[in-house]
């Protein structure tokens, strides 16, 4: 983990063992940065994501997988689930759909 990373309100932050976090990264509470799967024969394989420079990861986001790279200057929104790489300068959100039933008289 970089010396320039900041973890604001880190209770519940779960970093994986082989995690790479670059400079000027902000991580909020409840974030999981881990592996998609774990087995003994994978112990020498990178299983955790790479977080590039100037990334913000908001509360309760989950980023999984050793191939996942979060590109520089990106924002991962709260409660987002990421299991693939994100290009730099991207925003990922958890777009919850709310449907309002029409009122009947």
C-alpha atoms as a PDB file:
ATOM      1  CA  UNK A   1       0.000   0.000   0.000  1.00  0.00           C
ATOM      2  CA  UNK A   2       1.339   3.408  -0.921  1.00  0.00           C
ATOM      3  CA  UNK A   3       2.410   5.822   1.781  1.00  0.00           C
ATOM      4  CA  UNK A   4       0.238   8.431   0.032  1.00  0.00           C
ATOM      5  CA  UNK A   5      -3.000   6.421   0.241  1.00  0.00           C
ATOM      6  CA  UNK A   6      -5.720   7.602   2.604  1.00  0.00           C
ATOM      7  CA  UNK A   7      -8.342   5.450   4.242  1.00  0.00           C
ATOM      8  CA  UNK A   8     -11.128   7.597   5.689  1.00  0.00           C
ATOM      9  CA  UNK A   9     -13.155   5.811   8.359  1.00  0.00           C
ATOM     10  CA  UNK A  10     -11.534   2.461   7.670  1.00  0.00           C
ATOM     11  CA  UNK A  11     -13.512   0.113   9.919  1.00  0.00           C
ATOM     12  CA  UNK A  12     -14.631  -2.683   7.649  1.00  0.00           C
ATOM     13  CA  UNK A  13     -11.933  -2.059   5.010  1.00  0.00           C
ATOM     14  CA  UNK A  14     -10.794  -5.492   3.799  1.00  0.00           C
ATOM     15  CA  UNK A  15      -7.576  -5.353   1.745  1.00  0.00           C
ATOM     16  CA  UNK A  16      -6.328  -8.533   0.092  1.00  0.00           C
ATOM     17  CA  UNK A  17      -2.801  -9.816   0.730  1.00  0.00           C
ATOM     18  CA  UNK A  18      -1.443  -9.198  -2.795  1.00  0.00           C
ATOM     19  CA  UNK A  19      -3.248  -5.899  -3.296  1.00  0.00           C
ATOM     20  CA  UNK A  20      -1.444  -3.028  -5.074  1.00  0.00           C
ATOM     21  CA  UNK A  21      -2.513   0.545  -4.244  1.00  0.00           C
ATOM     22  CA  UNK A  22      -0.677   3.422  -5.937  1.00  0.00           C
ATOM     23  CA  UNK A  23      -0.400   7.074  -4.811  1.00  0.00           C
ATOM     24  CA  UNK A  24      -3.121   9.521  -3.737  1.00  0.00           C
ATOM     25  CA  UNK A  25      -5.918   6.958  -3.370  1.00  0.00           C
ATOM     26  CA  UNK A  26      -8.916   7.624  -1.089  1.00  0.00           C
ATOM     27  CA  UNK A  27     -10.740   4.602   0.316  1.00  0.00           C
ATOM     28  CA  UNK A  28     -13.874   4.930   2.439  1.00  0.00           C
ATOM     29  CA  UNK A  29     -15.358   2.531   4.993  1.00  0.00           C
ATOM     30  CA  UNK A  30     -16.580  -0.960   4.190  1.00  0.00           C
ATOM     31  CA  UNK A  31     -14.589  -1.334   0.944  1.00  0.00           C
ATOM     32  CA  UNK A  32     -13.534  -4.844  -0.112  1.00  0.00           C
ATOM     33  CA  UNK A  33     -10.515  -5.266  -2.391  1.00  0.00           C
ATOM     34  CA  UNK A  34     -10.065  -8.997  -2.784  1.00  0.00           C
ATOM     35  CA  UNK A  35      -9.871 -12.169  -4.846  1.00  0.00           C
ATOM     36  CA  UNK A  36     -12.599 -13.676  -7.004  1.00  0.00           C
ATOM     37  CA  UNK A  37     -11.625 -17.134  -5.810  1.00  0.00           C
ATOM     38  CA  UNK A  38      -8.991 -18.719  -3.606  1.00  0.00           C
ATOM     39  CA  UNK A  39      -7.347 -22.131  -3.758  1.00  0.00           C
ATOM     40  CA  UNK A  40      -3.974 -23.532  -2.704  1.00  0.00           C
ATOM     41  CA  UNK A  41      -2.690 -23.776  -6.262  1.00  0.00           C
ATOM     42  CA  UNK A  42      -3.319 -20.017  -6.708  1.00  0.00           C
ATOM     43  CA  UNK A  43      -1.163 -18.957  -3.757  1.00  0.00           C
ATOM     44  CA  UNK A  44       1.623 -17.561  -5.991  1.00  0.00           C
ATOM     45  CA  UNK A  45      -0.724 -15.888  -8.484  1.00  0.00           C
ATOM     46  CA  UNK A  46      -1.857 -12.275  -8.139  1.00  0.00           C
ATOM     47  CA  UNK A  47      -5.513 -12.561  -7.061  1.00  0.00           C
ATOM     48  CA  UNK A  48      -6.220  -9.008  -5.854  1.00  0.00           C
ATOM     49  CA  UNK A  49      -6.869  -5.819  -7.840  1.00  0.00           C
ATOM     50  CA  UNK A  50      -4.496  -2.983  -8.652  1.00  0.00           C
ATOM     51  CA  UNK A  51      -5.625   0.552  -7.808  1.00  0.00           C
ATOM     52  CA  UNK A  52      -3.786   3.194  -9.849  1.00  0.00           C
ATOM     53  CA  UNK A  53      -3.032   6.842  -8.892  1.00  0.00           C
ATOM     54  CA  UNK A  54      -5.674   9.381  -7.832  1.00  0.00           C
ATOM     55  CA  UNK A  55      -8.571   6.927  -7.408  1.00  0.00           C
ATOM     56  CA  UNK A  56     -11.465   7.420  -4.993  1.00  0.00           C
ATOM     57  CA  UNK A  57     -13.409   4.372  -3.777  1.00  0.00           C
ATOM     58  CA  UNK A  58     -16.577   5.204  -1.845  1.00  0.00           C
ATOM     59  CA  UNK A  59     -18.209   3.259   0.987  1.00  0.00           C
ATOM     60  CA  UNK A  60     -19.097  -0.423   0.630  1.00  0.00           C
ATOM     61  CA  UNK A  61     -17.718  -0.776  -2.897  1.00  0.00           C
ATOM     62  CA  UNK A  62     -16.338  -4.203  -3.835  1.00  0.00           C
ATOM     63  CA  UNK A  63     -13.494  -4.699  -6.314  1.00  0.00           C
ATOM     64  CA  UNK A  64     -12.471  -8.298  -6.966  1.00  0.00           C
ATOM     65  CA  UNK A  65      -9.913 -10.115  -9.111  1.00  0.00           C
ATOM     66  CA  UNK A  66      -6.212 -10.082  -9.849  1.00  0.00           C
ATOM     67  CA  UNK A  67      -6.764  -8.960 -13.431  1.00  0.00           C
ATOM     68  CA  UNK A  68      -8.833  -5.946 -12.332  1.00  0.00           C
ATOM     69  CA  UNK A  69      -6.975  -2.651 -12.693  1.00  0.00           C
ATOM     70  CA  UNK A  70      -8.745   0.536 -11.645  1.00  0.00           C
ATOM     71  CA  UNK A  71      -7.326   3.204 -13.952  1.00  0.00           C
ATOM     72  CA  UNK A  72      -5.873   6.480 -12.732  1.00  0.00           C
ATOM     73  CA  UNK A  73      -8.212   9.361 -11.863  1.00  0.00           C
ATOM     74  CA  UNK A  74     -11.262   7.084 -11.563  1.00  0.00           C
ATOM     75  CA  UNK A  75     -14.129   7.130  -9.070  1.00  0.00           C
ATOM     76  CA  UNK A  76     -15.827   3.971  -7.814  1.00  0.00           C
ATOM     77  CA  UNK A  77     -19.200   4.851  -6.308  1.00  0.00           C
ATOM     78  CA  UNK A  78     -20.687   3.542  -3.090  1.00  0.00           C
ATOM     79  CA  UNK A  79     -22.011  -0.046  -3.189  1.00  0.00           C
ATOM     80  CA  UNK A  80     -20.559  -0.585  -6.689  1.00  0.00           C
ATOM     81  CA  UNK A  81     -19.397  -4.079  -7.656  1.00  0.00           C
ATOM     82  CA  UNK A  82     -16.370  -4.267  -9.991  1.00  0.00           C
ATOM     83  CA  UNK A  83     -14.893  -7.535 -11.297  1.00  0.00           C
ATOM     84  CA  UNK A  84     -13.071  -6.283 -14.402  1.00  0.00           C
ATOM     85  CA  UNK A  85     -10.658  -3.508 -15.277  1.00  0.00           C
ATOM     86  CA  UNK A  86     -11.860   0.101 -15.397  1.00  0.00           C
ATOM     87  CA  UNK A  87     -10.197   2.538 -17.845  1.00  0.00           C
ATOM     88  CA  UNK A  88      -8.554   5.656 -16.443  1.00  0.00           C
ATOM     89  CA  UNK A  89     -10.733   8.752 -15.934  1.00  0.00           C
ATOM     90  CA  UNK A  90     -13.843   6.595 -15.411  1.00  0.00           C
ATOM     91  CA  UNK A  91     -16.754   6.727 -12.992  1.00  0.00           C
ATOM     92  CA  UNK A  92     -18.443   3.508 -11.894  1.00  0.00           C
ATOM     93  CA  UNK A  93     -21.712   3.627  -9.987  1.00  0.00           C
ATOM     94  CA  UNK A  94     -24.303   1.303  -8.580  1.00  0.00           C
ATOM     95  CA  UNK A  95     -27.279   2.395 -10.626  1.00  0.00           C
ATOM     96  CA  UNK A  96     -30.159   1.104  -8.560  1.00  0.00           C
ATOM     97  CA  UNK A  97     -33.417   1.125 -10.446  1.00  0.00           C
ATOM     98  CA  UNK A  98     -36.459   2.492  -8.671  1.00  0.00           C
ATOM     99  CA  UNK A  99     -39.836   1.918 -10.264  1.00  0.00           C
ATOM    100  CA  UNK A 100     -42.802   3.920  -9.081  1.00  0.00           C
ATOM    101  CA  UNK A 101     -46.126   2.236  -9.504  1.00  0.00           C
ATOM    102  CA  UNK A 102     -48.761   4.430 -11.076  1.00  0.00           C
ATOM    103  CA  UNK A 103     -51.634   5.345  -8.768  1.00  0.00           C
ATOM    104  CA  UNK A 104     -55.018   3.927  -9.657  1.00  0.00           C
ATOM    105  CA  UNK A 105     -58.211   5.595  -8.564  1.00  0.00           C
END
